[in-house]
Amino acid sequence: MGISIWQLLIVLAIIVLLFGTKKLRNIGSDLGGAIKSFRGAMRESEAEEQKSADAQSHLPKNEGTVIEGQATREKDKA
């Protein structure tokens, strides 16, 4: 018991009669623009995260350790 193609066509015809084709076209283009804008923002966010990760990977590594409140370095241990 599903929805047949004829039922979907009747519902579509009622929607077109209620809103009109021009208004439906405007809604579709607005929705498409919103999706496009959202995707662009997601790409920018991913690019910023990648730049941040790349910048952090080039930072010098901290070779020191803290033992009971005293800071030591690998050079001092040798």
C-alpha atoms as a PDB file:
ATOM      1  CA  MET A   1       0.000   0.000   0.000  1.00  0.00           C
ATOM      2  CA  GLY A   2       2.062   2.853  -1.268  1.00  0.00           C
ATOM      3  CA  ILE A   3       1.436   6.081  -3.025  1.00  0.00           C
ATOM      4  CA  SER A   4       0.876   5.547  -6.728  1.00  0.00           C
ATOM      5  CA  ILE A   5       2.142   7.812  -9.497  1.00  0.00           C
ATOM      6  CA  TRP A   6      -1.399   9.064 -10.119  1.00  0.00           C
ATOM      7  CA  GLN A   7      -1.783  10.218  -6.531  1.00  0.00           C
ATOM      8  CA  LEU A   8       1.511  12.070  -6.740  1.00  0.00           C
ATOM      9  CA  LEU A   9       0.438  13.765  -9.991  1.00  0.00           C
ATOM     10  CA  ILE A  10      -2.848  14.884  -8.419  1.00  0.00           C
ATOM     11  CA  VAL A  11      -1.022  16.347  -5.415  1.00  0.00           C
ATOM     12  CA  LEU A  12       1.434  18.110  -7.746  1.00  0.00           C
ATOM     13  CA  ALA A  13      -1.441  19.557  -9.802  1.00  0.00           C
ATOM     14  CA  ILE A  14      -3.118  20.892  -6.655  1.00  0.00           C
ATOM     15  CA  ILE A  15       0.129  22.510  -5.502  1.00  0.00           C
ATOM     16  CA  VAL A  16       0.612  24.168  -8.910  1.00  0.00           C
ATOM     17  CA  LEU A  17      -2.975  25.461  -8.818  1.00  0.00           C
ATOM     18  CA  LEU A  18      -2.560  26.864  -5.300  1.00  0.00           C
ATOM     19  CA  PHE A  19       0.812  28.572  -5.711  1.00  0.00           C
ATOM     20  CA  GLY A  20       1.182  29.099  -9.450  1.00  0.00           C
ATOM     21  CA  THR A  21       4.191  28.242 -11.567  1.00  0.00           C
ATOM     22  CA  LYS A  22       5.920  31.614 -11.121  1.00  0.00           C
ATOM     23  CA  LYS A  23       5.892  31.417  -7.328  1.00  0.00           C
ATOM     24  CA  LEU A  24       7.052  27.785  -7.397  1.00  0.00           C
ATOM     25  CA  ARG A  25       9.902  28.760  -9.742  1.00  0.00           C
ATOM     26  CA  ASN A  26      10.947  31.552  -7.349  1.00  0.00           C
ATOM     27  CA  ILE A  27      10.840  29.187  -4.378  1.00  0.00           C
ATOM     28  CA  GLY A  28      12.964  26.667  -6.294  1.00  0.00           C
ATOM     29  CA  SER A  29      15.571  29.234  -7.279  1.00  0.00           C
ATOM     30  CA  ASP A  30      15.717  30.617  -3.726  1.00  0.00           C
ATOM     31  CA  LEU A  31      16.163  27.124  -2.333  1.00  0.00           C
ATOM     32  CA  GLY A  32      18.878  26.356  -4.894  1.00  0.00           C
ATOM     33  CA  GLY A  33      20.699  29.595  -4.031  1.00  0.00           C
ATOM     34  CA  ALA A  34      20.553  28.796  -0.325  1.00  0.00           C
ATOM     35  CA  ILE A  35      21.990  25.325  -0.892  1.00  0.00           C
ATOM     36  CA  LYS A  36      24.759  26.745  -3.087  1.00  0.00           C
ATOM     37  CA  SER A  37      25.629  29.334  -0.440  1.00  0.00           C
ATOM     38  CA  PHE A  38      25.671  26.672   2.287  1.00  0.00           C
ATOM     39  CA  ARG A  39      28.023  24.462   0.269  1.00  0.00           C
ATOM     40  CA  GLY A  40      30.343  27.417  -0.350  1.00  0.00           C
ATOM     41  CA  ALA A  41      30.453  28.204   3.359  1.00  0.00           C
ATOM     42  CA  MET A  42      31.249  24.576   4.149  1.00  0.00           C
ATOM     43  CA  ARG A  43      34.127  24.578   1.637  1.00  0.00           C
ATOM     44  CA  GLU A  44      35.524  27.795   3.163  1.00  0.00           C
ATOM     45  CA  SER A  45      35.292  26.301   6.645  1.00  0.00           C
ATOM     46  CA  GLU A  46      37.119  23.136   5.557  1.00  0.00           C
ATOM     47  CA  ALA A  47      39.807  25.235   3.852  1.00  0.00           C
ATOM     48  CA  GLU A  48      40.333  27.279   7.046  1.00  0.00           C
ATOM     49  CA  GLU A  49      40.603  24.115   9.139  1.00  0.00           C
ATOM     50  CA  GLN A  50      43.139  22.668   6.706  1.00  0.00           C
ATOM     51  CA  LYS A  51      45.229  25.862   6.797  1.00  0.00           C
ATOM     52  CA  SER A  52      45.098  25.844  10.589  1.00  0.00           C
ATOM     53  CA  ALA A  53      46.185  22.190  10.722  1.00  0.00           C
ATOM     54  CA  ASP A  54      49.026  22.865   8.261  1.00  0.00           C
ATOM     55  CA  ALA A  55      50.201  25.878  10.287  1.00  0.00           C
ATOM     56  CA  GLN A  56      50.208  23.848  13.501  1.00  0.00           C
ATOM     57  CA  SER A  57      52.167  21.000  11.928  1.00  0.00           C
ATOM     58  CA  HIS A  58      55.001  23.435  11.070  1.00  0.00           C
ATOM     59  CA  LEU A  59      55.355  24.663  14.656  1.00  0.00           C
ATOM     60  CA  PRO A  60      58.438  23.405  16.505  1.00  0.00           C
ATOM     61  CA  LYS A  61      57.773  20.468  18.794  1.00  0.00           C
ATOM     62  CA  ASN A  62      58.144  21.033  22.518  1.00  0.00           C
ATOM     63  CA  GLU A  63      60.845  18.595  23.544  1.00  0.00           C
ATOM     64  CA  GLY A  64      60.668  19.333  27.251  1.00  0.00           C
ATOM     65  CA  THR A  65      58.743  17.434  29.898  1.00  0.00           C
ATOM     66  CA  VAL A  66      57.513  18.397  33.339  1.00  0.00           C
ATOM     67  CA  ILE A  67      58.363  16.079  36.211  1.00  0.00           C
ATOM     68  CA  GLU A  68      57.041  17.039  39.658  1.00  0.00           C
ATOM     69  CA  GLY A  69      57.035  20.744  38.829  1.00  0.00           C
ATOM     70  CA  GLN A  70      60.495  20.812  37.267  1.00  0.00           C
ATOM     71  CA  ALA A  71      60.895  21.492  33.580  1.00  0.00           C
ATOM     72  CA  THR A  72      63.514  19.384  31.867  1.00  0.00           C
ATOM     73  CA  ARG A  73      64.702  19.145  28.323  1.00  0.00           C
ATOM     74  CA  GLU A  74      65.934  16.171  26.367  1.00  0.00           C
ATOM     75  CA  LYS A  75      69.403  17.803  26.148  1.00  0.00           C
ATOM     76  CA  ASP A  76      69.602  18.114  29.942  1.00  0.00           C
ATOM     77  CA  LYS A  77      68.885  14.418  30.478  1.00  0.00           C
ATOM     78  CA  ALA A  78      71.880  13.280  28.421  1.00  0.00           C
END
